Amino acid sequence: MKIINANLTLKFLLLMYLAIELSQILVFMLLAMVNININNGIMLFTQSLLLILPTLYLFKKYKIDWRKDLSWSKIPYYQYFYLAIFVILFQPFAYKSVTLIENILNIHTSPENGSFSYGFFVYALIFVGLLSPLYEEVWYRGVLFENTKHMGVRTAIIWNGLIFGLIHFDITALVYTFLFGMLCCYVVHKTKSLISSLFMHVLYNCLQLIPKKTSTESYFQFINNYTTILFCTLLLVLIIYLWNTNFNKNKKDNSIKEYNDFVKPTNKKTILKEIINIYSITIVILFILINFFIPN
């Protein structure tokens, strides 16, 4: 596989991320100029298109075949049981890490009890639960990780986790996003498939959307308990070890198929020009569609 410089790949990802944020701001400014109110529906539509188009662009640029690389049958179905266990056992540590950092820094980002709304939940389920994992896995595990393996797999996993944590621009989430990014990289490295980390990411983000209500109070008390966190963390380490051992044995009898790296870079040039082009077109499409379908 042709190798892309890690520095170039990082620049590409950062530029794409900044382009998304700036494009969203520009679209909202244009909508405000023509007196169109920005509601959850418009936000979802805008953010979805700004994520889907560059992701499709990456599919084409890096020749990712979604029918092969994102096929559910890419890995044995029993492996999804292990992946789900990884996510469930990781949840208590992730939740506690956020609350501890919030308390230390005296900041509170968690929604208050009773603030749940079904409209926002549907919006979050589509955007946070489904779309975000897709583009993040393609960008970070499908592009960045594969293009930094020449530094060594361990280094690439740590590097990917660090970038994945920092790119969220949320200090309260830095610890768990760093570790979760590394876990996703490790799973992709072992299974040779993006669908494994995508499945974990979707499940994890959906668990994050469980609202803080009276009916879920016992759940949050349970995962916030230090005994639960210690038990789940130790069990997670043990299960990952057993999974890795069993995985290596199964590879010998071909129960898990090998395949070529799914990221096939084309060339190194005109990155900035390509990003400007795709987002210029996206902004125009968004503005025209919203103006056409949404009355003033």
C-alpha atoms as a PDB file:
ATOM      1  CA  MET A   1       0.000   0.000   0.000  1.00  0.00           C
ATOM      2  CA  LYS A   2       1.274   3.452  -0.875  1.00  0.00           C
ATOM      3  CA  ILE A   3       2.052   5.376   2.311  1.00  0.00           C
ATOM      4  CA  ILE A   4       0.897   8.925   2.968  1.00  0.00           C
ATOM      5  CA  ASN A   5       2.938  11.045   5.341  1.00  0.00           C
ATOM      6  CA  ALA A   6       1.347  11.152   8.830  1.00  0.00           C
ATOM      7  CA  ASN A   7       1.728  14.940   8.962  1.00  0.00           C
ATOM      8  CA  LEU A   8      -0.109  15.310   5.645  1.00  0.00           C
ATOM      9  CA  THR A   9      -2.910  12.995   6.767  1.00  0.00           C
ATOM     10  CA  LEU A  10      -3.360  14.954  10.006  1.00  0.00           C
ATOM     11  CA  LYS A  11      -3.499  18.239   8.087  1.00  0.00           C
ATOM     12  CA  PHE A  12      -6.111  16.737   5.790  1.00  0.00           C
ATOM     13  CA  LEU A  13      -8.321  15.644   8.709  1.00  0.00           C
ATOM     14  CA  LEU A  14      -7.980  18.946  10.579  1.00  0.00           C
ATOM     15  CA  LEU A  15      -8.776  20.955   7.457  1.00  0.00           C
ATOM     16  CA  MET A  16     -11.841  18.822   6.794  1.00  0.00           C
ATOM     17  CA  TYR A  17     -13.021  19.293  10.382  1.00  0.00           C
ATOM     18  CA  LEU A  18     -12.513  23.066  10.279  1.00  0.00           C
ATOM     19  CA  ALA A  19     -14.271  23.193   6.929  1.00  0.00           C
ATOM     20  CA  ILE A  20     -17.313  21.487   8.472  1.00  0.00           C
ATOM     21  CA  GLU A  21     -17.477  23.958  11.360  1.00  0.00           C
ATOM     22  CA  LEU A  22     -16.912  27.051   9.199  1.00  0.00           C
ATOM     23  CA  SER A  23     -19.370  25.854   6.569  1.00  0.00           C
ATOM     24  CA  GLN A  24     -22.037  25.334   9.216  1.00  0.00           C
ATOM     25  CA  ILE A  25     -21.501  28.844  10.598  1.00  0.00           C
ATOM     26  CA  LEU A  26     -21.654  30.321   7.105  1.00  0.00           C
ATOM     27  CA  VAL A  27     -24.877  28.459   6.254  1.00  0.00           C
ATOM     28  CA  PHE A  28     -26.549  29.652   9.471  1.00  0.00           C
ATOM     29  CA  MET A  29     -25.427  33.229   8.772  1.00  0.00           C
ATOM     30  CA  LEU A  30     -26.916  33.064   5.268  1.00  0.00           C
ATOM     31  CA  LEU A  31     -30.172  31.677   6.648  1.00  0.00           C
ATOM     32  CA  ALA A  32     -30.345  34.465   9.216  1.00  0.00           C
ATOM     33  CA  MET A  33     -29.882  37.035   6.430  1.00  0.00           C
ATOM     34  CA  VAL A  34     -32.999  35.732   4.665  1.00  0.00           C
ATOM     35  CA  ASN A  35     -34.965  35.508   7.942  1.00  0.00           C
ATOM     36  CA  ILE A  36     -35.202  31.714   8.165  1.00  0.00           C
ATOM     37  CA  ASN A  37     -35.430  30.434  11.728  1.00  0.00           C
ATOM     38  CA  ILE A  38     -32.928  27.718  12.599  1.00  0.00           C
ATOM     39  CA  ASN A  39     -34.661  24.793  14.299  1.00  0.00           C
ATOM     40  CA  ASN A  40     -33.587  21.226  15.117  1.00  0.00           C
ATOM     41  CA  GLY A  41     -34.717  20.013  11.687  1.00  0.00           C
ATOM     42  CA  ILE A  42     -32.564  22.525   9.814  1.00  0.00           C
ATOM     43  CA  MET A  43     -29.629  21.869  12.132  1.00  0.00           C
ATOM     44  CA  LEU A  44     -29.910  18.117  11.562  1.00  0.00           C
ATOM     45  CA  PHE A  45     -30.198  18.524   7.795  1.00  0.00           C
ATOM     46  CA  THR A  46     -27.235  20.920   7.653  1.00  0.00           C
ATOM     47  CA  GLN A  47     -24.956  18.886   9.886  1.00  0.00           C
ATOM     48  CA  SER A  48     -25.904  15.637   8.161  1.00  0.00           C
ATOM     49  CA  LEU A  49     -25.080  16.938   4.700  1.00  0.00           C
ATOM     50  CA  LEU A  50     -21.843  18.504   5.924  1.00  0.00           C
ATOM     51  CA  LEU A  51     -20.809  15.102   7.294  1.00  0.00           C
ATOM     52  CA  ILE A  52     -22.156  12.866   4.536  1.00  0.00           C
ATOM     53  CA  LEU A  53     -20.603  14.680   1.560  1.00  0.00           C
ATOM     54  CA  PRO A  54     -16.995  14.730   2.823  1.00  0.00           C
ATOM     55  CA  THR A  55     -17.368  11.117   3.986  1.00  0.00           C
ATOM     56  CA  LEU A  56     -18.520  10.057   0.523  1.00  0.00           C
ATOM     57  CA  TYR A  57     -15.603  12.049  -0.842  1.00  0.00           C
ATOM     58  CA  LEU A  58     -13.210  10.075   1.384  1.00  0.00           C
ATOM     59  CA  PHE A  59     -14.832   6.828   0.234  1.00  0.00           C
ATOM     60  CA  LYS A  60     -13.991   7.752  -3.342  1.00  0.00           C
ATOM     61  CA  LYS A  61     -10.574   9.302  -2.704  1.00  0.00           C
ATOM     62  CA  TYR A  62      -9.297   6.385  -0.608  1.00  0.00           C
ATOM     63  CA  LYS A  63     -11.250   3.754  -2.557  1.00  0.00           C
ATOM     64  CA  ILE A  64     -13.148   2.403   0.435  1.00  0.00           C
ATOM     65  CA  ASP A  65     -15.649  -0.184  -0.737  1.00  0.00           C
ATOM     66  CA  TRP A  66     -18.588   0.066   1.677  1.00  0.00           C
ATOM     67  CA  ARG A  67     -20.053  -3.212   0.385  1.00  0.00           C
ATOM     68  CA  LYS A  68     -16.867  -5.000   1.438  1.00  0.00           C
ATOM     69  CA  ASP A  69     -15.290  -2.954   4.205  1.00  0.00           C
ATOM     70  CA  LEU A  70     -18.552  -2.018   5.961  1.00  0.00           C
ATOM     71  CA  SER A  71     -20.373  -5.297   5.436  1.00  0.00           C
ATOM     72  CA  TRP A  72     -21.852  -6.922   8.552  1.00  0.00           C
ATOM     73  CA  SER A  73     -20.606 -10.286   7.324  1.00  0.00           C
ATOM     74  CA  LYS A  74     -17.035  -9.021   7.228  1.00  0.00           C
ATOM     75  CA  ILE A  75     -16.463 -10.514  10.669  1.00  0.00           C
ATOM     76  CA  PRO A  76     -18.138 -13.556  12.297  1.00  0.00           C
ATOM     77  CA  TYR A  77     -21.416 -12.633  13.963  1.00  0.00           C
ATOM     78  CA  TYR A  78     -20.348 -13.937  17.367  1.00  0.00           C
ATOM     79  CA  GLN A  79     -17.659 -11.225  17.391  1.00  0.00           C
ATOM     80  CA  TYR A  80     -20.383  -8.582  17.754  1.00  0.00           C
ATOM     81  CA  PHE A  81     -21.188 -10.074  21.167  1.00  0.00           C
ATOM     82  CA  TYR A  82     -17.626  -9.386  22.307  1.00  0.00           C
ATOM     83  CA  LEU A  83     -17.659  -5.884  20.837  1.00  0.00           C
ATOM     84  CA  ALA A  84     -20.919  -5.075  22.651  1.00  0.00           C
ATOM     85  CA  ILE A  85     -19.434  -6.334  25.933  1.00  0.00           C
ATOM     86  CA  PHE A  86     -16.398  -4.071  25.409  1.00  0.00           C
ATOM     87  CA  VAL A  87     -18.655  -1.035  25.054  1.00  0.00           C
ATOM     88  CA  ILE A  88     -20.942  -1.877  27.990  1.00  0.00           C
ATOM     89  CA  LEU A  89     -18.019  -2.486  30.346  1.00  0.00           C
ATOM     90  CA  PHE A  90     -16.298   0.718  29.198  1.00  0.00           C
ATOM     91  CA  GLN A  91     -19.367   2.859  29.916  1.00  0.00           C
ATOM     92  CA  PRO A  92     -18.952   3.213  33.738  1.00  0.00           C
ATOM     93  CA  PHE A  93     -15.335   4.380  33.430  1.00  0.00           C
ATOM     94  CA  ALA A  94     -16.228   6.861  30.683  1.00  0.00           C
ATOM     95  CA  TYR A  95     -19.115   8.350  32.662  1.00  0.00           C
ATOM     96  CA  LYS A  96     -17.076   8.645  35.855  1.00  0.00           C
ATOM     97  CA  SER A  97     -14.113  10.235  34.075  1.00  0.00           C
ATOM     98  CA  VAL A  98     -16.406  12.987  32.772  1.00  0.00           C
ATOM     99  CA  THR A  99     -18.027  13.675  36.148  1.00  0.00           C
ATOM    100  CA  LEU A 100     -14.644  13.734  37.915  1.00  0.00           C
ATOM    101  CA  ILE A 101     -13.177  16.251  35.460  1.00  0.00           C
ATOM    102  CA  GLU A 102     -16.347  18.351  35.690  1.00  0.00           C
ATOM    103  CA  ASN A 103     -16.051  18.433  39.482  1.00  0.00           C
ATOM    104  CA  ILE A 104     -12.344  19.220  39.427  1.00  0.00           C
ATOM    105  CA  LEU A 105     -12.786  22.082  36.954  1.00  0.00           C
ATOM    106  CA  ASN A 106     -16.151  23.115  38.410  1.00  0.00           C
ATOM    107  CA  ILE A 107     -17.916  22.881  35.063  1.00  0.00           C
ATOM    108  CA  HIS A 108     -21.099  20.992  34.336  1.00  0.00           C
ATOM    109  CA  THR A 109     -21.997  19.925  30.815  1.00  0.00           C
ATOM    110  CA  SER A 110     -24.355  17.057  31.624  1.00  0.00           C
ATOM    111  CA  PRO A 111     -28.058  17.732  31.022  1.00  0.00           C
ATOM    112  CA  GLU A 112     -30.093  18.332  34.117  1.00  0.00           C
ATOM    113  CA  ASN A 113     -32.805  15.963  35.248  1.00  0.00           C
ATOM    114  CA  GLY A 114     -36.111  16.683  33.523  1.00  0.00           C
ATOM    115  CA  SER A 115     -34.631  18.458  30.462  1.00  0.00           C
ATOM    116  CA  PHE A 116     -35.351  15.513  28.154  1.00  0.00           C
ATOM    117  CA  SER A 117     -37.347  16.138  24.975  1.00  0.00           C
ATOM    118  CA  TYR A 118     -38.283  13.566  22.349  1.00  0.00           C
ATOM    119  CA  GLY A 119     -37.567  15.976  19.495  1.00  0.00           C
ATOM    120  CA  PHE A 120     -34.003  16.522  20.643  1.00  0.00           C
ATOM    121  CA  PHE A 121     -33.591  12.805  21.347  1.00  0.00           C
ATOM    122  CA  VAL A 122     -34.496  11.889  17.749  1.00  0.00           C
ATOM    123  CA  TYR A 123     -32.159  14.626  16.487  1.00  0.00           C
ATOM    124  CA  ALA A 124     -29.329  13.319  18.697  1.00  0.00           C
ATOM    125  CA  LEU A 125     -30.017   9.689  17.791  1.00  0.00           C
ATOM    126  CA  ILE A 126     -29.638  10.391  14.071  1.00  0.00           C
ATOM    127  CA  PHE A 127     -26.714  12.781  14.305  1.00  0.00           C
ATOM    128  CA  VAL A 128     -24.769  11.538  17.354  1.00  0.00           C
ATOM    129  CA  GLY A 129     -25.851   7.893  17.288  1.00  0.00           C
ATOM    130  CA  LEU A 130     -25.578   7.136  13.583  1.00  0.00           C
ATOM    131  CA  LEU A 131     -23.953   9.799  11.391  1.00  0.00           C
ATOM    132  CA  SER A 132     -21.094  10.899  13.670  1.00  0.00           C
ATOM    133  CA  PRO A 133     -19.771   7.362  14.216  1.00  0.00           C
ATOM    134  CA  LEU A 134     -19.786   6.714  10.470  1.00  0.00           C
ATOM    135  CA  TYR A 135     -17.735   9.731   9.478  1.00  0.00           C
ATOM    136  CA  GLU A 136     -15.438   9.516  12.521  1.00  0.00           C
ATOM    137  CA  GLU A 137     -14.609   5.864  11.869  1.00  0.00           C
ATOM    138  CA  VAL A 138     -13.942   6.521   8.194  1.00  0.00           C
ATOM    139  CA  TRP A 139     -11.809   9.564   8.986  1.00  0.00           C
ATOM    140  CA  TYR A 140      -9.857   8.340  11.994  1.00  0.00           C
ATOM    141  CA  ARG A 141      -9.735   4.558  11.773  1.00  0.00           C
ATOM    142  CA  GLY A 142     -10.130   4.324   8.001  1.00  0.00           C
ATOM    143  CA  VAL A 143      -7.739   7.111   6.974  1.00  0.00           C
ATOM    144  CA  LEU A 144      -5.548   8.356   9.831  1.00  0.00           C
ATOM    145  CA  PHE A 145      -4.849   4.974  11.456  1.00  0.00           C
ATOM    146  CA  GLU A 146      -4.111   3.159   8.206  1.00  0.00           C
ATOM    147  CA  ASN A 147      -1.792   5.959   7.072  1.00  0.00           C
ATOM    148  CA  THR A 148       0.228   6.004  10.296  1.00  0.00           C
ATOM    149  CA  LYS A 149       0.827   2.254  10.679  1.00  0.00           C
ATOM    150  CA  HIS A 150       4.288   2.646   9.169  1.00  0.00           C
ATOM    151  CA  MET A 151       5.273   4.318  12.473  1.00  0.00           C
ATOM    152  CA  GLY A 152       4.443   1.039  14.201  1.00  0.00           C
ATOM    153  CA  VAL A 153       1.008  -0.288  15.168  1.00  0.00           C
ATOM    154  CA  ARG A 154       1.313   0.660  18.848  1.00  0.00           C
ATOM    155  CA  THR A 155       2.470   4.183  18.024  1.00  0.00           C
ATOM    156  CA  ALA A 156      -0.307   4.540  15.451  1.00  0.00           C
ATOM    157  CA  ILE A 157      -2.942   3.400  17.976  1.00  0.00           C
ATOM    158  CA  ILE A 158      -1.748   5.885  20.617  1.00  0.00           C
ATOM    159  CA  TRP A 159      -1.429   8.679  18.040  1.00  0.00           C
ATOM    160  CA  ASN A 160      -4.930   8.000  16.736  1.00  0.00           C
ATOM    161  CA  GLY A 161      -6.424   7.960  20.225  1.00  0.00           C
ATOM    162  CA  LEU A 162      -4.735  11.247  21.097  1.00  0.00           C
ATOM    163  CA  ILE A 163      -5.921  13.005  17.935  1.00  0.00           C
ATOM    164  CA  PHE A 164      -9.411  11.541  18.360  1.00  0.00           C
ATOM    165  CA  GLY A 165      -9.556  12.865  21.917  1.00  0.00           C
ATOM    166  CA  LEU A 166      -8.219  16.335  21.103  1.00  0.00           C
ATOM    167  CA  ILE A 167     -10.392  16.842  18.028  1.00  0.00           C
ATOM    168  CA  HIS A 168     -13.550  16.742  20.166  1.00  0.00           C
ATOM    169  CA  PHE A 169     -12.443  20.022  21.788  1.00  0.00           C
ATOM    170  CA  ASP A 170     -13.998  18.920  25.089  1.00  0.00           C
ATOM    171  CA  ILE A 171     -11.658  18.651  28.059  1.00  0.00           C
ATOM    172  CA  THR A 172     -14.216  16.685  30.075  1.00  0.00           C
ATOM    173  CA  ALA A 173     -14.323  13.993  27.379  1.00  0.00           C
ATOM    174  CA  LEU A 174     -10.586  13.936  26.634  1.00  0.00           C
ATOM    175  CA  VAL A 175      -9.723  10.902  28.789  1.00  0.00           C
ATOM    176  CA  TYR A 176     -12.425   8.540  27.608  1.00  0.00           C
ATOM    177  CA  THR A 177     -12.302   9.605  23.947  1.00  0.00           C
ATOM    178  CA  PHE A 178      -8.541   9.029  23.991  1.00  0.00           C
ATOM    179  CA  LEU A 179      -8.976   5.507  25.398  1.00  0.00           C
ATOM    180  CA  PHE A 180     -12.015   4.696  23.280  1.00  0.00           C
ATOM    181  CA  GLY A 181     -10.166   5.832  20.145  1.00  0.00           C
ATOM    182  CA  MET A 182      -7.320   3.468  20.972  1.00  0.00           C
ATOM    183  CA  LEU A 183      -9.755   0.622  21.653  1.00  0.00           C
ATOM    184  CA  CYS A 184     -11.419   1.168  18.269  1.00  0.00           C
ATOM    185  CA  CYS A 185      -8.030   1.165  16.548  1.00  0.00           C
ATOM    186  CA  TYR A 186      -7.047  -2.052  18.278  1.00  0.00           C
ATOM    187  CA  VAL A 187     -10.279  -3.744  17.223  1.00  0.00           C
ATOM    188  CA  VAL A 188      -9.864  -2.560  13.608  1.00  0.00           C
ATOM    189  CA  HIS A 189      -6.267  -3.797  13.622  1.00  0.00           C
ATOM    190  CA  LYS A 190      -7.312  -7.249  14.823  1.00  0.00           C
ATOM    191  CA  THR A 191     -10.468  -7.699  12.732  1.00  0.00           C
ATOM    192  CA  LYS A 192      -9.153  -5.888   9.632  1.00  0.00           C
ATOM    193  CA  SER A 193     -12.580  -4.300   9.246  1.00  0.00           C
ATOM    194  CA  LEU A 194     -14.107  -0.877   9.845  1.00  0.00           C
ATOM    195  CA  ILE A 195     -17.481  -2.428  10.641  1.00  0.00           C
ATOM    196  CA  SER A 196     -16.176  -3.640  14.005  1.00  0.00           C
ATOM    197  CA  SER A 197     -15.240  -0.181  15.275  1.00  0.00           C
ATOM    198  CA  LEU A 198     -18.321   1.349  13.630  1.00  0.00           C
ATOM    199  CA  PHE A 199     -20.579  -1.083  15.515  1.00  0.00           C
ATOM    200  CA  MET A 200     -18.846  -0.232  18.810  1.00  0.00           C
ATOM    201  CA  HIS A 201     -19.017   3.503  18.130  1.00  0.00           C
ATOM    202  CA  VAL A 202     -22.741   3.479  17.291  1.00  0.00           C
ATOM    203  CA  LEU A 203     -23.561   1.409  20.381  1.00  0.00           C
ATOM    204  CA  TYR A 204     -21.426   3.594  22.626  1.00  0.00           C
ATOM    205  CA  ASN A 205     -22.915   6.865  21.354  1.00  0.00           C
ATOM    206  CA  CYS A 206     -26.438   5.489  21.758  1.00  0.00           C
ATOM    207  CA  LEU A 207     -25.686   4.580  25.372  1.00  0.00           C
ATOM    208  CA  GLN A 208     -24.464   8.139  25.883  1.00  0.00           C
ATOM    209  CA  LEU A 209     -27.915   9.376  24.875  1.00  0.00           C
ATOM    210  CA  ILE A 210     -29.708   7.699  27.788  1.00  0.00           C
ATOM    211  CA  PRO A 211     -31.482  10.671  29.438  1.00  0.00           C
ATOM    212  CA  LYS A 212     -31.107  11.587  33.083  1.00  0.00           C
ATOM    213  CA  LYS A 213     -34.627  11.088  34.378  1.00  0.00           C
ATOM    214  CA  THR A 214     -36.210   9.674  37.492  1.00  0.00           C
ATOM    215  CA  SER A 215     -36.704   6.358  35.701  1.00  0.00           C
ATOM    216  CA  THR A 216     -32.986   6.100  34.847  1.00  0.00           C
ATOM    217  CA  GLU A 217     -31.611   7.410  38.147  1.00  0.00           C
ATOM    218  CA  SER A 218     -30.712   3.922  39.401  1.00  0.00           C
ATOM    219  CA  TYR A 219     -28.743   3.240  36.198  1.00  0.00           C
ATOM    220  CA  PHE A 220     -26.587   6.350  36.616  1.00  0.00           C
ATOM    221  CA  GLN A 221     -26.050   5.616  40.296  1.00  0.00           C
ATOM    222  CA  PHE A 222     -24.898   2.124  39.365  1.00  0.00           C
ATOM    223  CA  ILE A 223     -22.347   3.197  36.712  1.00  0.00           C
ATOM    224  CA  ASN A 224     -21.143   6.039  38.956  1.00  0.00           C
ATOM    225  CA  ASN A 225     -20.265   3.645  41.772  1.00  0.00           C
ATOM    226  CA  TYR A 226     -16.527   3.082  42.308  1.00  0.00           C
ATOM    227  CA  THR A 227     -17.022  -0.640  42.923  1.00  0.00           C
ATOM    228  CA  THR A 228     -18.881  -0.955  39.617  1.00  0.00           C
ATOM    229  CA  ILE A 229     -16.198   1.006  37.787  1.00  0.00           C
ATOM    230  CA  LEU A 230     -13.351  -1.082  39.202  1.00  0.00           C
ATOM    231  CA  PHE A 231     -15.148  -4.365  38.535  1.00  0.00           C
ATOM    232  CA  CYS A 232     -16.140  -3.418  34.965  1.00  0.00           C
ATOM    233  CA  THR A 233     -12.668  -2.080  34.135  1.00  0.00           C
ATOM    234  CA  LEU A 234     -10.889  -5.207  35.372  1.00  0.00           C
ATOM    235  CA  LEU A 235     -13.427  -7.429  33.621  1.00  0.00           C
ATOM    236  CA  LEU A 236     -12.971  -5.419  30.409  1.00  0.00           C
ATOM    237  CA  VAL A 237      -9.200  -5.945  30.487  1.00  0.00           C
ATOM    238  CA  LEU A 238      -9.683  -9.674  31.126  1.00  0.00           C
ATOM    239  CA  ILE A 239     -12.228 -10.123  28.332  1.00  0.00           C
ATOM    240  CA  ILE A 240     -10.066  -8.189  25.852  1.00  0.00           C
ATOM    241  CA  TYR A 241      -7.152 -10.485  26.744  1.00  0.00           C
ATOM    242  CA  LEU A 242      -9.291 -13.618  26.290  1.00  0.00           C
ATOM    243  CA  TRP A 243     -10.794 -12.232  23.075  1.00  0.00           C
ATOM    244  CA  ASN A 244      -7.338 -11.503  21.692  1.00  0.00           C
ATOM    245  CA  THR A 245      -6.123 -15.000  22.566  1.00  0.00           C
ATOM    246  CA  ASN A 246      -9.192 -16.650  21.071  1.00  0.00           C
ATOM    247  CA  PHE A 247      -9.011 -14.364  18.039  1.00  0.00           C
ATOM    248  CA  ASN A 248      -5.432 -15.385  17.271  1.00  0.00           C
ATOM    249  CA  LYS A 249      -6.398 -19.070  17.481  1.00  0.00           C
ATOM    250  CA  ASN A 250      -9.365 -18.611  15.168  1.00  0.00           C
ATOM    251  CA  LYS A 251      -7.236 -16.836  12.557  1.00  0.00           C
ATOM    252  CA  LYS A 252      -5.198 -20.014  12.138  1.00  0.00           C
ATOM    253  CA  ASP A 253      -8.251 -21.961  10.940  1.00  0.00           C
ATOM    254  CA  ASN A 254      -9.424 -19.082   8.701  1.00  0.00           C
ATOM    255  CA  SER A 255     -12.618 -18.338  10.659  1.00  0.00           C
ATOM    256  CA  ILE A 256     -11.680 -14.685  10.175  1.00  0.00           C
ATOM    257  CA  LYS A 257     -10.680 -13.773   6.644  1.00  0.00           C
ATOM    258  CA  GLU A 258      -7.708 -11.575   5.902  1.00  0.00           C
ATOM    259  CA  TYR A 259      -7.943  -8.876   3.255  1.00  0.00           C
ATOM    260  CA  ASN A 260      -5.876  -6.057   1.832  1.00  0.00           C
ATOM    261  CA  ASP A 261      -5.783  -2.687   3.575  1.00  0.00           C
ATOM    262  CA  PHE A 262      -8.999  -0.870   2.707  1.00  0.00           C
ATOM    263  CA  VAL A 263      -7.346   2.553   2.462  1.00  0.00           C
ATOM    264  CA  LYS A 264      -5.645   3.055  -0.873  1.00  0.00           C
ATOM    265  CA  PRO A 265      -4.315   6.629  -1.077  1.00  0.00           C
ATOM    266  CA  THR A 266      -4.101   8.260  -4.482  1.00  0.00           C
ATOM    267  CA  ASN A 267      -1.808  11.297  -4.269  1.00  0.00           C
ATOM    268  CA  LYS A 268      -0.590  13.985  -1.888  1.00  0.00           C
ATOM    269  CA  LYS A 269      -1.353  17.202  -3.729  1.00  0.00           C
ATOM    270  CA  THR A 270      -4.137  19.816  -3.803  1.00  0.00           C
ATOM    271  CA  ILE A 271      -5.615  18.847  -0.427  1.00  0.00           C
ATOM    272  CA  LEU A 272      -6.664  22.391   0.476  1.00  0.00           C
ATOM    273  CA  LYS A 273      -8.089  22.992  -3.000  1.00  0.00           C
ATOM    274  CA  GLU A 274     -10.148  19.785  -2.823  1.00  0.00           C
ATOM    275  CA  ILE A 275     -11.580  20.695   0.587  1.00  0.00           C
ATOM    276  CA  ILE A 276     -12.481  24.224  -0.526  1.00  0.00           C
ATOM    277  CA  ASN A 277     -14.200  22.855  -3.632  1.00  0.00           C
ATOM    278  CA  ILE A 278     -16.297  20.238  -1.846  1.00  0.00           C
ATOM    279  CA  TYR A 279     -17.475  22.629   0.871  1.00  0.00           C
ATOM    280  CA  SER A 280     -18.171  25.481  -1.523  1.00  0.00           C
ATOM    281  CA  ILE A 281     -20.468  23.162  -3.446  1.00  0.00           C
ATOM    282  CA  THR A 282     -22.009  21.863  -0.213  1.00  0.00           C
ATOM    283  CA  ILE A 283     -22.815  25.372   1.068  1.00  0.00           C
ATOM    284  CA  VAL A 284     -24.498  26.301  -2.210  1.00  0.00           C
ATOM    285  CA  ILE A 285     -26.544  23.078  -2.225  1.00  0.00           C
ATOM    286  CA  LEU A 286     -27.600  23.560   1.393  1.00  0.00           C
ATOM    287  CA  PHE A 287     -28.633  27.162   0.905  1.00  0.00           C
ATOM    288  CA  ILE A 288     -30.661  26.384  -2.225  1.00  0.00           C
ATOM    289  CA  LEU A 289     -32.405  23.351  -0.704  1.00  0.00           C
ATOM    290  CA  ILE A 290     -33.317  25.092   2.557  1.00  0.00           C
ATOM    291  CA  ASN A 291     -34.578  28.190   0.750  1.00  0.00           C
ATOM    292  CA  PHE A 292     -36.621  26.048  -1.612  1.00  0.00           C
ATOM    293  CA  PHE A 293     -38.232  23.749   0.982  1.00  0.00           C
ATOM    294  CA  ILE A 294     -38.440  26.056   4.039  1.00  0.00           C
ATOM    295  CA  PRO A 295     -40.787  29.050   3.798  1.00  0.00           C
ATOM    296  CA  ASN A 296     -39.618  32.411   5.213  1.00  0.00           C
END
